[in-house]
Amino acid sequence: MDKSDKTTKRIPQINERIKRELSEIFLREIDFLEKTLITIIKVETSSNLVHSKIWISVIPESQTEKVFRVLNKKIYYIQQILNKRLRVRPMPKIK
């Protein structure tokens, strides 16, 4: 098995771990608006593990802009927590 095969199998595992940890962080660490549901729909990590794109859903939709403001404001804090929880090298930067 060559290195690319290992990376190909590793990416879905990393995506799932990031999704699980971010869900936990959103639930316990970030104060979103009351009566707002945020769901992580998809995580897509680059093959070189440099970055991960996160797709989220917000209900009610009218709160989407506010949720993104909160996330953008706290992105470095979220990244720090994620870095501590996951032992992945390199640690993908979330977008």
Protein backbone atom coordinates (compact mmCIF):
# COMPACT_ATOMS: atom_id res chain seq x y z
CA MET A 1 0.00 0.00 0.00
CA ASP A 2 1.52 3.31 -1.03
CA LYS A 3 1.21 6.68 0.72
CA SER A 4 -1.67 7.91 -1.48
CA ASP A 5 -3.78 4.87 -0.52
CA LYS A 6 -3.26 5.61 3.17
CA THR A 7 -4.16 9.28 2.66
CA THR A 8 -7.27 8.34 0.67
CA LYS A 9 -8.50 6.13 3.53
CA ARG A 10 -7.47 8.63 6.16
CA ILE A 11 -9.37 11.66 4.78
CA PRO A 12 -12.91 10.30 5.44
CA GLN A 13 -11.85 9.39 8.98
CA ILE A 14 -10.47 12.88 9.56
CA ASN A 15 -13.63 14.43 8.09
CA GLU A 16 -15.79 12.45 10.50
CA ARG A 17 -13.64 13.33 13.52
CA ILE A 18 -13.68 17.02 12.63
CA LYS A 19 -17.45 16.90 12.16
CA ARG A 20 -17.96 15.19 15.53
CA GLU A 21 -15.60 17.53 17.41
CA LEU A 22 -17.00 20.68 15.81
CA SER A 23 -20.52 19.57 16.70
CA GLU A 24 -19.41 19.21 20.30
CA ILE A 25 -17.65 22.59 20.24
CA PHE A 26 -20.71 24.31 18.75
CA LEU A 27 -22.93 22.71 21.36
CA ARG A 28 -20.82 23.38 24.44
CA GLU A 29 -18.42 26.23 23.69
CA ILE A 30 -20.16 28.70 21.38
CA ASP A 31 -23.12 30.83 22.40
CA PHE A 32 -25.46 31.01 19.48
CA LEU A 33 -28.85 32.63 19.53
CA GLU A 34 -31.59 30.87 21.44
CA LYS A 35 -33.94 28.70 19.42
CA THR A 36 -31.38 28.36 16.64
CA LEU A 37 -30.35 24.95 15.34
CA ILE A 38 -26.93 24.62 13.70
CA THR A 39 -26.14 21.37 11.92
CA ILE A 40 -22.85 20.40 10.32
CA ILE A 41 -23.84 18.89 7.02
CA LYS A 42 -20.50 18.07 5.49
CA VAL A 43 -16.76 18.31 6.11
CA GLU A 44 -14.36 18.14 3.20
CA THR A 45 -10.64 18.03 3.94
CA SER A 46 -8.05 18.60 1.24
CA SER A 47 -5.85 15.63 0.30
CA ASN A 48 -2.77 17.42 1.67
CA LEU A 49 -4.58 18.10 5.01
CA VAL A 50 -4.02 21.84 4.75
CA HIS A 51 -7.64 22.94 5.05
CA SER A 52 -11.14 21.66 5.73
CA LYS A 53 -14.33 23.20 4.41
CA ILE A 54 -17.31 22.96 6.71
CA TRP A 55 -20.89 23.14 5.43
CA ILE A 56 -23.55 24.04 7.96
CA SER A 57 -27.29 24.42 8.04
CA VAL A 58 -29.07 27.00 10.19
CA ILE A 59 -32.69 26.83 11.29
CA PRO A 60 -34.45 29.22 11.20
CA GLU A 61 -32.87 30.46 8.00
CA SER A 62 -33.39 34.06 9.10
CA GLN A 63 -30.58 33.56 11.66
CA THR A 64 -27.97 32.41 9.14
CA GLU A 65 -26.21 35.75 8.85
CA LYS A 66 -25.99 36.16 12.62
CA VAL A 67 -24.65 32.63 13.06
CA PHE A 68 -21.95 33.24 10.45
CA ARG A 69 -20.98 36.47 12.20
CA VAL A 70 -20.54 34.58 15.46
CA LEU A 71 -18.56 31.81 13.74
CA ASN A 72 -16.30 34.25 11.92
CA LYS A 73 -15.69 36.17 15.11
CA LYS A 74 -14.75 33.00 17.02
CA ILE A 75 -13.01 31.06 14.26
CA TYR A 76 -9.56 31.24 15.91
CA TYR A 77 -10.98 30.10 19.24
CA ILE A 78 -12.78 27.21 17.53
CA GLN A 79 -9.61 26.26 15.66
CA GLN A 80 -7.59 26.26 18.90
CA ILE A 81 -10.04 23.93 20.62
CA LEU A 82 -10.08 21.65 17.59
CA ASN A 83 -6.28 21.60 17.50
CA LYS A 84 -6.17 20.43 21.12
CA ARG A 85 -8.78 17.71 20.62
CA LEU A 86 -7.46 16.19 17.42
CA ARG A 87 -4.03 14.73 17.07
CA VAL A 88 -3.65 15.16 13.35
CA ARG A 89 -0.54 16.44 11.66
CA PRO A 90 -0.79 18.65 9.79
CA MET A 91 -3.94 19.98 11.42
CA PRO A 92 -6.29 21.27 8.70
CA LYS A 93 -7.34 24.88 8.97
CA ILE A 94 -11.13 25.17 9.02
CA LYS A 95 -13.04 27.39 6.61
